[in-house]
C-alpha atoms as a PDB file:
ATOM      1  CA  UNK A   1     -35.961  11.912  -3.975  1.00  0.00           C
ATOM      2  CA  UNK A   2     -35.391  10.103  -0.321  1.00  0.00           C
ATOM      3  CA  UNK A   3     -33.961  10.929   2.798  1.00  0.00           C
ATOM      4  CA  UNK A   4     -31.068   8.988   4.061  1.00  0.00           C
ATOM      5  CA  UNK A   5     -28.325   9.811   6.676  1.00  0.00           C
ATOM      6  CA  UNK A   6     -25.004   9.431   5.132  1.00  0.00           C
ATOM      7  CA  UNK A   7     -22.732  10.597   7.739  1.00  0.00           C
ATOM      8  CA  UNK A   8     -21.424  13.212   5.145  1.00  0.00           C
ATOM      9  CA  UNK A   9     -18.727  15.715   6.331  1.00  0.00           C
ATOM     10  CA  UNK A  10     -19.685  19.405   5.160  1.00  0.00           C
ATOM     11  CA  UNK A  11     -18.283  22.106   5.642  1.00  0.00           C
ATOM     12  CA  UNK A  12     -18.367  24.761   8.531  1.00  0.00           C
ATOM     13  CA  UNK A  13     -16.452  28.001   7.488  1.00  0.00           C
ATOM     14  CA  UNK A  14     -14.699  29.454  10.136  1.00  0.00           C
ATOM     15  CA  UNK A  15     -11.728  32.148   9.896  1.00  0.00           C
ATOM     16  CA  UNK A  16      -9.360  29.940  11.647  1.00  0.00           C
ATOM     17  CA  UNK A  17      -9.811  27.007   9.320  1.00  0.00           C
ATOM     18  CA  UNK A  18      -9.680  29.505   6.584  1.00  0.00           C
ATOM     19  CA  UNK A  19      -6.470  31.030   7.587  1.00  0.00           C
ATOM     20  CA  UNK A  20      -4.964  27.473   7.791  1.00  0.00           C
ATOM     21  CA  UNK A  21      -6.092  26.833   4.276  1.00  0.00           C
ATOM     22  CA  UNK A  22      -4.853  29.943   2.447  1.00  0.00           C
ATOM     23  CA  UNK A  23      -1.005  28.985   4.506  1.00  0.00           C
ATOM     24  CA  UNK A  24      -1.226  25.576   3.139  1.00  0.00           C
ATOM     25  CA  UNK A  25      -2.262  26.932  -0.388  1.00  0.00           C
ATOM     26  CA  UNK A  26       0.662  29.701  -0.232  1.00  0.00           C
ATOM     27  CA  UNK A  27       3.104  27.125   1.109  1.00  0.00           C
ATOM     28  CA  UNK A  28       2.215  24.816  -1.648  1.00  0.00           C
ATOM     29  CA  UNK A  29       2.535  27.376  -4.398  1.00  0.00           C
ATOM     30  CA  UNK A  30       5.910  28.712  -3.189  1.00  0.00           C
ATOM     31  CA  UNK A  31       6.916  24.985  -3.631  1.00  0.00           C
ATOM     32  CA  UNK A  32       5.601  25.150  -7.368  1.00  0.00           C
ATOM     33  CA  UNK A  33       3.100  21.945  -7.066  1.00  0.00           C
ATOM     34  CA  UNK A  34      -0.049  24.145  -7.956  1.00  0.00           C
ATOM     35  CA  UNK A  35      -1.676  25.499 -11.231  1.00  0.00           C
ATOM     36  CA  UNK A  36      -4.652  27.003 -10.441  1.00  0.00           C
ATOM     37  CA  UNK A  37      -5.998  29.129  -8.144  1.00  0.00           C
ATOM     38  CA  UNK A  38      -8.824  26.358  -7.590  1.00  0.00           C
ATOM     39  CA  UNK A  39      -5.992  23.797  -6.449  1.00  0.00           C
ATOM     40  CA  UNK A  40      -4.455  26.459  -4.311  1.00  0.00           C
ATOM     41  CA  UNK A  41      -7.270  27.314  -1.849  1.00  0.00           C
ATOM     42  CA  UNK A  42      -8.881  23.615  -1.488  1.00  0.00           C
ATOM     43  CA  UNK A  43      -8.255  22.006   1.666  1.00  0.00           C
ATOM     44  CA  UNK A  44      -7.826  18.215   2.307  1.00  0.00           C
ATOM     45  CA  UNK A  45     -10.165  15.697   3.822  1.00  0.00           C
ATOM     46  CA  UNK A  46     -10.351  16.302   7.551  1.00  0.00           C
ATOM     47  CA  UNK A  47      -8.322  14.950   9.850  1.00  0.00           C
ATOM     48  CA  UNK A  48      -5.786  13.495   7.739  1.00  0.00           C
ATOM     49  CA  UNK A  49      -1.682  14.781   8.555  1.00  0.00           C
ATOM     50  CA  UNK A  50      -0.038  17.128   6.133  1.00  0.00           C
ATOM     51  CA  UNK A  51       3.765  17.304   5.061  1.00  0.00           C
ATOM     52  CA  UNK A  52       4.499  19.295   2.390  1.00  0.00           C
ATOM     53  CA  UNK A  53       7.575  17.494   0.966  1.00  0.00           C
ATOM     54  CA  UNK A  54       8.205  13.636   0.324  1.00  0.00           C
ATOM     55  CA  UNK A  55      10.945  11.541  -1.152  1.00  0.00           C
ATOM     56  CA  UNK A  56      12.729  13.459  -3.676  1.00  0.00           C
ATOM     57  CA  UNK A  57      11.754  17.090  -2.290  1.00  0.00           C
ATOM     58  CA  UNK A  58       8.281  16.862  -4.753  1.00  0.00           C
ATOM     59  CA  UNK A  59       5.659  18.938  -3.386  1.00  0.00           C
ATOM     60  CA  UNK A  60       2.442  17.226  -2.542  1.00  0.00           C
ATOM     61  CA  UNK A  61      -0.803  18.966  -3.255  1.00  0.00           C
ATOM     62  CA  UNK A  62      -2.424  19.903   0.390  1.00  0.00           C
ATOM     63  CA  UNK A  63      -5.591  17.877  -0.615  1.00  0.00           C
ATOM     64  CA  UNK A  64      -3.530  14.562  -0.323  1.00  0.00           C
ATOM     65  CA  UNK A  65      -3.232  14.213   3.404  1.00  0.00           C
ATOM     66  CA  UNK A  66      -2.023  11.612   5.430  1.00  0.00           C
ATOM     67  CA  UNK A  67      -0.446   9.619   2.315  1.00  0.00           C
ATOM     68  CA  UNK A  68       0.055   5.857   4.071  1.00  0.00           C
ATOM     69  CA  UNK A  69       3.879   4.994   4.193  1.00  0.00           C
ATOM     70  CA  UNK A  70       2.808   2.261   1.718  1.00  0.00           C
ATOM     71  CA  UNK A  71       1.453   4.263  -1.115  1.00  0.00           C
ATOM     72  CA  UNK A  72       4.745   5.930  -2.206  1.00  0.00           C
ATOM     73  CA  UNK A  73       7.252   3.049  -0.725  1.00  0.00           C
ATOM     74  CA  UNK A  74       9.400   1.279  -3.010  1.00  0.00           C
ATOM     75  CA  UNK A  75       8.281  -1.536  -1.484  1.00  0.00           C
ATOM     76  CA  UNK A  76       5.072  -1.000  -3.731  1.00  0.00           C
ATOM     77  CA  UNK A  77       6.937  -0.590  -6.612  1.00  0.00           C
ATOM     78  CA  UNK A  78       8.805  -4.123  -5.872  1.00  0.00           C
ATOM     79  CA  UNK A  79       5.053  -5.513  -5.096  1.00  0.00           C
ATOM     80  CA  UNK A  80       3.759  -4.440  -8.532  1.00  0.00           C
ATOM     81  CA  UNK A  81       6.754  -6.028 -10.405  1.00  0.00           C
ATOM     82  CA  UNK A  82       6.485  -9.481  -8.751  1.00  0.00           C
ATOM     83  CA  UNK A  83       2.788  -9.536  -9.291  1.00  0.00           C
ATOM     84  CA  UNK A  84       2.820  -8.668 -13.110  1.00  0.00           C
ATOM     85  CA  UNK A  85       5.662 -11.064 -13.714  1.00  0.00           C
ATOM     86  CA  UNK A  86       4.418 -13.913 -11.821  1.00  0.00           C
ATOM     87  CA  UNK A  87       0.738 -13.383 -13.711  1.00  0.00           C
ATOM     88  CA  UNK A  88       2.462 -13.209 -17.226  1.00  0.00           C
ATOM     89  CA  UNK A  89       2.469 -17.039 -17.945  1.00  0.00           C
ATOM     90  CA  UNK A  90      -1.134 -16.463 -17.542  1.00  0.00           C
ATOM     91  CA  UNK A  91      -1.785 -13.339 -18.837  1.00  0.00           C
ATOM     92  CA  UNK A  92       0.144 -13.355 -22.404  1.00  0.00           C
ATOM     93  CA  UNK A  93      -1.721 -15.992 -23.791  1.00  0.00           C
ATOM     94  CA  UNK A  94      -4.884 -14.122 -22.892  1.00  0.00           C
ATOM     95  CA  UNK A  95      -3.494 -10.661 -24.210  1.00  0.00           C
ATOM     96  CA  UNK A  96      -2.565 -12.290 -27.410  1.00  0.00           C
ATOM     97  CA  UNK A  97      -6.188 -13.942 -27.874  1.00  0.00           C
ATOM     98  CA  UNK A  98      -7.867 -10.934 -26.911  1.00  0.00           C
ATOM     99  CA  UNK A  99      -5.565  -8.776 -29.100  1.00  0.00           C
ATOM    100  CA  UNK A 100      -6.622 -11.442 -31.855  1.00  0.00           C
ATOM    101  CA  UNK A 101     -10.027 -11.193 -31.363  1.00  0.00           C
ATOM    102  CA  UNK A 102     -10.141  -7.094 -31.604  1.00  0.00           C
ATOM    103  CA  UNK A 103      -8.329  -7.282 -34.888  1.00  0.00           C
ATOM    104  CA  UNK A 104     -10.342  -9.808 -36.360  1.00  0.00           C
ATOM    105  CA  UNK A 105     -13.996  -8.268 -35.368  1.00  0.00           C
ATOM    106  CA  UNK A 106     -13.470  -4.703 -36.391  1.00  0.00           C
ATOM    107  CA  UNK A 107     -10.881  -2.175 -38.786  1.00  0.00           C
ATOM    108  CA  UNK A 108      -8.136  -0.596 -37.028  1.00  0.00           C
ATOM    109  CA  UNK A 109      -5.682  -1.370 -34.329  1.00  0.00           C
ATOM    110  CA  UNK A 110      -5.938  -3.762 -31.234  1.00  0.00           C
ATOM    111  CA  UNK A 111      -4.558  -1.097 -28.660  1.00  0.00           C
ATOM    112  CA  UNK A 112      -6.146   1.774 -28.059  1.00  0.00           C
ATOM    113  CA  UNK A 113      -3.424   4.810 -26.999  1.00  0.00           C
ATOM    114  CA  UNK A 114      -4.400   7.885 -25.059  1.00  0.00           C
ATOM    115  CA  UNK A 115      -2.523  10.375 -22.969  1.00  0.00           C
ATOM    116  CA  UNK A 116      -3.169  10.199 -19.443  1.00  0.00           C
ATOM    117  CA  UNK A 117      -1.836  12.086 -16.349  1.00  0.00           C
ATOM    118  CA  UNK A 118       0.301  10.170 -14.053  1.00  0.00           C
ATOM    119  CA  UNK A 119       2.558  11.077 -10.897  1.00  0.00           C
ATOM    120  CA  UNK A 120       3.528  14.638  -9.959  1.00  0.00           C
ATOM    121  CA  UNK A 121       1.334  15.559 -13.286  1.00  0.00           C
ATOM    122  CA  UNK A 122       3.527  13.695 -15.683  1.00  0.00           C
ATOM    123  CA  UNK A 123       1.842  12.699 -18.520  1.00  0.00           C
ATOM    124  CA  UNK A 124       2.314   9.110 -19.961  1.00  0.00           C
ATOM    125  CA  UNK A 125       0.406   6.941 -22.654  1.00  0.00           C
ATOM    126  CA  UNK A 126      -1.615   4.411 -21.490  1.00  0.00           C
ATOM    127  CA  UNK A 127      -2.351   1.101 -23.439  1.00  0.00           C
ATOM    128  CA  UNK A 128      -5.959  -0.329 -23.427  1.00  0.00           C
ATOM    129  CA  UNK A 129      -7.463  -2.796 -26.162  1.00  0.00           C
ATOM    130  CA  UNK A 130      -9.780  -0.959 -28.167  1.00  0.00           C
ATOM    131  CA  UNK A 131     -13.446  -1.054 -27.343  1.00  0.00           C
ATOM    132  CA  UNK A 132     -14.853   1.445 -29.808  1.00  0.00           C
ATOM    133  CA  UNK A 133     -15.107   1.636 -33.737  1.00  0.00           C
ATOM    134  CA  UNK A 134     -11.747   3.022 -35.323  1.00  0.00           C
ATOM    135  CA  UNK A 135     -12.464   6.300 -36.137  1.00  0.00           C
ATOM    136  CA  UNK A 136      -9.329   8.231 -36.529  1.00  0.00           C
ATOM    137  CA  UNK A 137     -10.650  11.653 -37.694  1.00  0.00           C
ATOM    138  CA  UNK A 138     -13.662  11.457 -35.620  1.00  0.00           C
ATOM    139  CA  UNK A 139     -13.932  13.763 -32.142  1.00  0.00           C
ATOM    140  CA  UNK A 140     -15.087  11.072 -29.656  1.00  0.00           C
ATOM    141  CA  UNK A 141     -16.898  12.144 -26.610  1.00  0.00           C
ATOM    142  CA  UNK A 142     -14.861  12.525 -23.596  1.00  0.00           C
ATOM    143  CA  UNK A 143     -17.085  10.906 -20.949  1.00  0.00           C
ATOM    144  CA  UNK A 144     -18.545   7.300 -21.823  1.00  0.00           C
ATOM    145  CA  UNK A 145     -21.859   6.237 -22.047  1.00  0.00           C
ATOM    146  CA  UNK A 146     -24.108   3.281 -23.079  1.00  0.00           C
ATOM    147  CA  UNK A 147     -25.513   5.430 -25.676  1.00  0.00           C
ATOM    148  CA  UNK A 148     -22.838   8.185 -26.849  1.00  0.00           C
ATOM    149  CA  UNK A 149     -20.217   5.649 -28.114  1.00  0.00           C
ATOM    150  CA  UNK A 150     -20.307   2.932 -31.312  1.00  0.00           C
ATOM    151  CA  UNK A 151     -18.736  -0.152 -29.823  1.00  0.00           C
ATOM    152  CA  UNK A 152     -16.981  -3.145 -31.467  1.00  0.00           C
ATOM    153  CA  UNK A 153     -18.822  -6.479 -31.428  1.00  0.00           C
ATOM    154  CA  UNK A 154     -16.635  -7.556 -28.447  1.00  0.00           C
ATOM    155  CA  UNK A 155     -16.145  -4.078 -26.662  1.00  0.00           C
ATOM    156  CA  UNK A 156     -18.861  -4.444 -24.437  1.00  0.00           C
ATOM    157  CA  UNK A 157     -17.668  -7.720 -23.178  1.00  0.00           C
ATOM    158  CA  UNK A 158     -14.092  -6.519 -22.910  1.00  0.00           C
ATOM    159  CA  UNK A 159     -15.482  -3.482 -20.786  1.00  0.00           C
ATOM    160  CA  UNK A 160     -17.752  -5.522 -18.825  1.00  0.00           C
ATOM    161  CA  UNK A 161     -15.032  -8.062 -17.428  1.00  0.00           C
ATOM    162  CA  UNK A 162     -12.359  -5.275 -17.562  1.00  0.00           C
ATOM    163  CA  UNK A 163     -10.425  -6.825 -20.218  1.00  0.00           C
ATOM    164  CA  UNK A 164      -9.535  -3.963 -22.302  1.00  0.00           C
ATOM    165  CA  UNK A 165      -7.233  -2.733 -19.057  1.00  0.00           C
ATOM    166  CA  UNK A 166      -5.069  -5.864 -19.127  1.00  0.00           C
ATOM    167  CA  UNK A 167      -2.115  -4.268 -21.656  1.00  0.00           C
ATOM    168  CA  UNK A 168      -1.903  -1.516 -18.851  1.00  0.00           C
ATOM    169  CA  UNK A 169       0.303  -4.352 -17.334  1.00  0.00           C
ATOM    170  CA  UNK A 170       2.772  -3.032 -19.422  1.00  0.00           C
ATOM    171  CA  UNK A 171       2.664   0.457 -17.996  1.00  0.00           C
ATOM    172  CA  UNK A 172       2.991  -1.138 -14.540  1.00  0.00           C
ATOM    173  CA  UNK A 173       6.351  -2.823 -15.629  1.00  0.00           C
ATOM    174  CA  UNK A 174       7.628   0.654 -17.628  1.00  0.00           C
ATOM    175  CA  UNK A 175       6.874   2.866 -14.040  1.00  0.00           C
ATOM    176  CA  UNK A 176       3.916   4.808 -15.528  1.00  0.00           C
ATOM    177  CA  UNK A 177       1.483   3.047 -12.934  1.00  0.00           C
ATOM    178  CA  UNK A 178       0.789   0.761 -10.169  1.00  0.00           C
ATOM    179  CA  UNK A 179      -1.524  -2.247  -9.660  1.00  0.00           C
ATOM    180  CA  UNK A 180      -3.434  -0.429  -7.230  1.00  0.00           C
ATOM    181  CA  UNK A 181      -4.006   3.257  -7.021  1.00  0.00           C
ATOM    182  CA  UNK A 182      -6.323   6.596  -8.569  1.00  0.00           C
ATOM    183  CA  UNK A 183      -7.102   5.863 -11.936  1.00  0.00           C
ATOM    184  CA  UNK A 184      -5.284   7.886 -14.298  1.00  0.00           C
ATOM    185  CA  UNK A 185      -7.247  10.757 -15.846  1.00  0.00           C
ATOM    186  CA  UNK A 186      -6.993  12.335 -19.080  1.00  0.00           C
ATOM    187  CA  UNK A 187      -5.060  15.508 -18.826  1.00  0.00           C
ATOM    188  CA  UNK A 188      -8.497  17.837 -19.230  1.00  0.00           C
ATOM    189  CA  UNK A 189      -9.973  16.018 -16.372  1.00  0.00           C
ATOM    190  CA  UNK A 190      -7.101  16.033 -14.250  1.00  0.00           C
ATOM    191  CA  UNK A 191      -8.082  18.203 -11.345  1.00  0.00           C
ATOM    192  CA  UNK A 192      -5.542  17.403  -8.883  1.00  0.00           C
ATOM    193  CA  UNK A 193      -1.779  16.250  -9.136  1.00  0.00           C
ATOM    194  CA  UNK A 194      -1.560  12.810  -7.716  1.00  0.00           C
ATOM    195  CA  UNK A 195       1.057  12.084  -5.739  1.00  0.00           C
ATOM    196  CA  UNK A 196       1.708   8.695  -6.500  1.00  0.00           C
ATOM    197  CA  UNK A 197       1.679   6.289  -9.818  1.00  0.00           C
ATOM    198  CA  UNK A 198      -2.019   5.670 -10.554  1.00  0.00           C
ATOM    199  CA  UNK A 199      -3.260   2.672 -10.921  1.00  0.00           C
ATOM    200  CA  UNK A 200      -5.106  -0.180 -12.840  1.00  0.00           C
ATOM    201  CA  UNK A 201      -7.639  -0.446 -10.096  1.00  0.00           C
ATOM    202  CA  UNK A 202      -8.890   0.978  -7.163  1.00  0.00           C
ATOM    203  CA  UNK A 203     -11.484   1.205  -4.470  1.00  0.00           C
ATOM    204  CA  UNK A 204     -13.159   3.984  -6.783  1.00  0.00           C
ATOM    205  CA  UNK A 205     -13.117   1.759  -9.838  1.00  0.00           C
ATOM    206  CA  UNK A 206     -14.718  -0.965  -8.222  1.00  0.00           C
ATOM    207  CA  UNK A 207     -17.470   1.343  -6.732  1.00  0.00           C
ATOM    208  CA  UNK A 208     -17.836   2.944 -10.414  1.00  0.00           C
ATOM    209  CA  UNK A 209     -17.605  -0.087 -12.422  1.00  0.00           C
ATOM    210  CA  UNK A 210     -21.166   0.772 -13.594  1.00  0.00           C
ATOM    211  CA  UNK A 211     -20.087   4.421 -14.455  1.00  0.00           C
ATOM    212  CA  UNK A 212     -21.253   4.384 -18.011  1.00  0.00           C
ATOM    213  CA  UNK A 213     -24.939   2.581 -16.484  1.00  0.00           C
ATOM    214  CA  UNK A 214     -24.678   5.496 -14.079  1.00  0.00           C
ATOM    215  CA  UNK A 215     -24.496   8.499 -16.781  1.00  0.00           C
ATOM    216  CA  UNK A 216     -26.621   7.114 -18.996  1.00  0.00           C
ATOM    217  CA  UNK A 217     -29.830   8.541 -17.544  1.00  0.00           C
ATOM    218  CA  UNK A 218     -28.089  12.175 -17.946  1.00  0.00           C
ATOM    219  CA  UNK A 219     -29.198  14.447 -21.165  1.00  0.00           C
ATOM    220  CA  UNK A 220     -25.675  14.814 -23.301  1.00  0.00           C
ATOM    221  CA  UNK A 221     -25.617  18.869 -22.818  1.00  0.00           C
ATOM    222  CA  UNK A 222     -25.504  18.277 -19.027  1.00  0.00           C
ATOM    223  CA  UNK A 223     -23.043  15.024 -19.007  1.00  0.00           C
ATOM    224  CA  UNK A 224     -19.560  17.096 -19.339  1.00  0.00           C
ATOM    225  CA  UNK A 225     -20.362  19.169 -16.162  1.00  0.00           C
ATOM    226  CA  UNK A 226     -21.770  16.226 -14.201  1.00  0.00           C
ATOM    227  CA  UNK A 227     -18.726  14.625 -14.654  1.00  0.00           C
ATOM    228  CA  UNK A 228     -16.541  17.299 -13.623  1.00  0.00           C
ATOM    229  CA  UNK A 229     -18.723  18.677 -10.769  1.00  0.00           C
ATOM    230  CA  UNK A 230     -19.986  15.509  -9.266  1.00  0.00           C
ATOM    231  CA  UNK A 231     -18.396  12.123 -10.501  1.00  0.00           C
ATOM    232  CA  UNK A 232     -14.502  13.354 -10.643  1.00  0.00           C
ATOM    233  CA  UNK A 233     -14.797  14.828  -7.539  1.00  0.00           C
ATOM    234  CA  UNK A 234     -16.857  11.621  -5.664  1.00  0.00           C
ATOM    235  CA  UNK A 235     -13.772   9.433  -7.056  1.00  0.00           C
ATOM    236  CA  UNK A 236     -11.416  12.003  -5.690  1.00  0.00           C
ATOM    237  CA  UNK A 237     -12.430  11.861  -2.231  1.00  0.00           C
ATOM    238  CA  UNK A 238     -12.810   8.050  -2.411  1.00  0.00           C
ATOM    239  CA  UNK A 239      -9.050   8.134  -3.868  1.00  0.00           C
ATOM    240  CA  UNK A 240      -7.748  10.327  -0.825  1.00  0.00           C
ATOM    241  CA  UNK A 241      -9.233   8.276   1.912  1.00  0.00           C
ATOM    242  CA  UNK A 242      -7.734   4.934   0.726  1.00  0.00           C
ATOM    243  CA  UNK A 243      -4.186   6.129   0.175  1.00  0.00           C
ATOM    244  CA  UNK A 244      -4.876   7.706   3.631  1.00  0.00           C
ATOM    245  CA  UNK A 245      -4.538   4.061   4.558  1.00  0.00           C
ATOM    246  CA  UNK A 246      -3.441   1.654   2.111  1.00  0.00           C
ATOM    247  CA  UNK A 247      -1.673  -1.484   2.950  1.00  0.00           C
ATOM    248  CA  UNK A 248      -0.017  -3.975   0.977  1.00  0.00           C
ATOM    249  CA  UNK A 249      -3.033  -6.226   2.224  1.00  0.00           C
ATOM    250  CA  UNK A 250      -5.477  -3.517   1.393  1.00  0.00           C
ATOM    251  CA  UNK A 251      -3.930  -3.484  -2.071  1.00  0.00           C
ATOM    252  CA  UNK A 252      -4.462  -7.149  -2.442  1.00  0.00           C
ATOM    253  CA  UNK A 253      -7.835  -7.023  -1.437  1.00  0.00           C
ATOM    254  CA  UNK A 254      -8.916  -4.579  -3.932  1.00  0.00           C
ATOM    255  CA  UNK A 255      -6.933  -6.776  -6.947  1.00  0.00           C
ATOM    256  CA  UNK A 256      -8.604  -9.677  -5.692  1.00  0.00           C
ATOM    257  CA  UNK A 257     -12.510  -7.799  -5.449  1.00  0.00           C
ATOM    258  CA  UNK A 258     -11.518  -6.389  -8.867  1.00  0.00           C
ATOM    259  CA  UNK A 259     -10.611  -9.933 -10.272  1.00  0.00           C
ATOM    260  CA  UNK A 260     -13.633 -11.439  -8.803  1.00  0.00           C
ATOM    261  CA  UNK A 261     -15.846  -8.579 -10.144  1.00  0.00           C
ATOM    262  CA  UNK A 262     -17.132  -7.950  -6.469  1.00  0.00           C
ATOM    263  CA  UNK A 263     -18.410  -4.247  -7.476  1.00  0.00           C
ATOM    264  CA  UNK A 264     -19.463  -1.784  -4.569  1.00  0.00           C
ATOM    265  CA  UNK A 265     -22.023   0.684  -6.079  1.00  0.00           C
ATOM    266  CA  UNK A 266     -23.373   1.196  -2.604  1.00  0.00           C
ATOM    267  CA  UNK A 267     -20.261   3.392  -2.002  1.00  0.00           C
ATOM    268  CA  UNK A 268     -20.283   4.869  -5.255  1.00  0.00           C
ATOM    269  CA  UNK A 269     -23.975   6.114  -4.341  1.00  0.00           C
ATOM    270  CA  UNK A 270     -23.083   7.603  -1.233  1.00  0.00           C
ATOM    271  CA  UNK A 271     -19.780   9.641  -2.791  1.00  0.00           C
ATOM    272  CA  UNK A 272     -22.074  10.346  -5.205  1.00  0.00           C
ATOM    273  CA  UNK A 273     -24.719  12.054  -2.766  1.00  0.00           C
ATOM    274  CA  UNK A 274     -22.220  13.877  -1.298  1.00  0.00           C
ATOM    275  CA  UNK A 275     -20.377  15.301  -4.461  1.00  0.00           C
ATOM    276  CA  UNK A 276     -24.185  16.548  -5.449  1.00  0.00           C
ATOM    277  CA  UNK A 277     -24.780  17.997  -1.850  1.00  0.00           C
ATOM    278  CA  UNK A 278     -21.561  19.688  -2.462  1.00  0.00           C
ATOM    279  CA  UNK A 279     -22.079  21.174  -5.818  1.00  0.00           C
ATOM    280  CA  UNK A 280     -25.171  22.375  -4.754  1.00  0.00           C
ATOM    281  CA  UNK A 281     -23.995  24.315  -2.090  1.00  0.00           C
ATOM    282  CA  UNK A 282     -21.305  26.053  -3.722  1.00  0.00           C
ATOM    283  CA  UNK A 283     -23.835  26.681  -6.688  1.00  0.00           C
ATOM    284  CA  UNK A 284     -25.896  28.494  -3.734  1.00  0.00           C
ATOM    285  CA  UNK A 285     -23.231  29.918  -2.246  1.00  0.00           C
ATOM    286  CA  UNK A 286     -20.404  30.521  -4.391  1.00  0.00           C
ATOM    287  CA  UNK A 287     -18.442  31.919  -1.480  1.00  0.00           C
ATOM    288  CA  UNK A 288     -18.367  28.823   0.984  1.00  0.00           C
ATOM    289  CA  UNK A 289     -15.017  27.134   0.945  1.00  0.00           C
ATOM    290  CA  UNK A 290     -15.496  23.218  -1.093  1.00  0.00           C
ATOM    291  CA  UNK A 291     -13.996  21.828   2.367  1.00  0.00           C
ATOM    292  CA  UNK A 292     -12.685  22.709   5.711  1.00  0.00           C
ATOM    293  CA  UNK A 293     -11.333  21.226   8.641  1.00  0.00           C
ATOM    294  CA  UNK A 294     -14.222  22.112  10.869  1.00  0.00           C
ATOM    295  CA  UNK A 295     -17.061  19.474  10.010  1.00  0.00           C
ATOM    296  CA  UNK A 296     -20.233  18.382  10.835  1.00  0.00           C
ATOM    297  CA  UNK A 297     -22.733  15.276   9.829  1.00  0.00           C
ATOM    298  CA  UNK A 298     -25.796  16.035   8.677  1.00  0.00           C
ATOM    299  CA  UNK A 299     -28.497  14.044   6.829  1.00  0.00           C
ATOM    300  CA  UNK A 300     -28.657  14.817   3.117  1.00  0.00           C
ATOM    301  CA  UNK A 301     -31.268  14.545   0.572  1.00  0.00           C
ATOM    302  CA  UNK A 302     -29.948  11.966  -2.228  1.00  0.00           C
ATOM    303  CA  UNK A 303     -30.977  13.471  -5.536  1.00  0.00           C
ATOM    304  CA  UNK A 304     -32.479  11.697  -8.116  1.00  0.00           C
ATOM    305  CA  UNK A 305     -29.468  10.904  -9.948  1.00  0.00           C
ATOM    306  CA  UNK A 306     -27.982   9.191  -7.024  1.00  0.00           C
ATOM    307  CA  UNK A 307     -31.177   7.349  -6.237  1.00  0.00           C
ATOM    308  CA  UNK A 308     -31.439   5.094  -8.966  1.00  0.00           C
ATOM    309  CA  UNK A 309     -28.542   3.188  -7.815  1.00  0.00           C
ATOM    310  CA  UNK A 310     -30.434   0.449  -6.715  1.00  0.00           C
ATOM    311  CA  UNK A 311     -31.219  -0.288  -9.897  1.00  0.00           C
ATOM    312  CA  UNK A 312     -27.692  -0.010 -11.219  1.00  0.00           C
ATOM    313  CA  UNK A 313     -27.080  -3.101  -8.942  1.00  0.00           C
ATOM    314  CA  UNK A 314     -28.780  -5.281 -11.140  1.00  0.00           C
ATOM    315  CA  UNK A 315     -27.407  -3.985 -14.259  1.00  0.00           C
ATOM    316  CA  UNK A 316     -24.208  -5.197 -15.891  1.00  0.00           C
ATOM    317  CA  UNK A 317     -20.642  -3.356 -15.625  1.00  0.00           C
ATOM    318  CA  UNK A 318     -19.947  -1.846 -18.939  1.00  0.00           C
END
């Protein structure tokens, strides 16, 4: 454990800020956008402007403040479709080759289908190349690490190069997903309703490309709780910050970084440390709000889980 000034925003509870949060929650609940009490009361990242309604009269969770005009625009949808169509001459042979390799090296279907939560809470079926041994009647661990799953012979390679995500180009054309956006979560892991299409890649995807390595040291009995209380909030905060400033150029930059495998685990370490700090604060001060419009910057102690990120930089992405 060591100290580092990560300039993390931590909440200062004030009556005025709490009243504002309650009013936002009541307004959003009236619009039919929230499903749980926890989702009603959590505020957004500080400094983001909030508009309760967007195109089509759809209520937006107060957490997702200040969505950039690009995030939900028709132009982004056109951008996605054009990019996918232009990539098809190169992508189709690769898709066929990978599909054949999956079938030849292990029993079972080439594709792995799973329900994910999409835009405005609508579930859809995500397409991926299967990377684990086919076991239709076996309950799998929801959170994947290096040790708790049985991979196919080419599974680790596909995951390392993110080739298992290629079938999601079909999800993009079908309108389920975007090329760039928050990764779609399983419904059980969906803490917040997405205000936009989920994406194949994102800033959080690049930062957490080695997530399985990050989670590997955790004992199995703590894995689900740590993922829910630390990893998911860290990813969610990264997504919120990106969606507030997303542009066509920033989307293009993320796509290029993903193709070139330019991972940024340093960003993951910072956001994990912030999420660990907030989770610990809620444990010792259960009445403290998760976020607030009044913030202060403080140096925080990076717990052991986050401090091993330097070693992870040297590990392959899985």
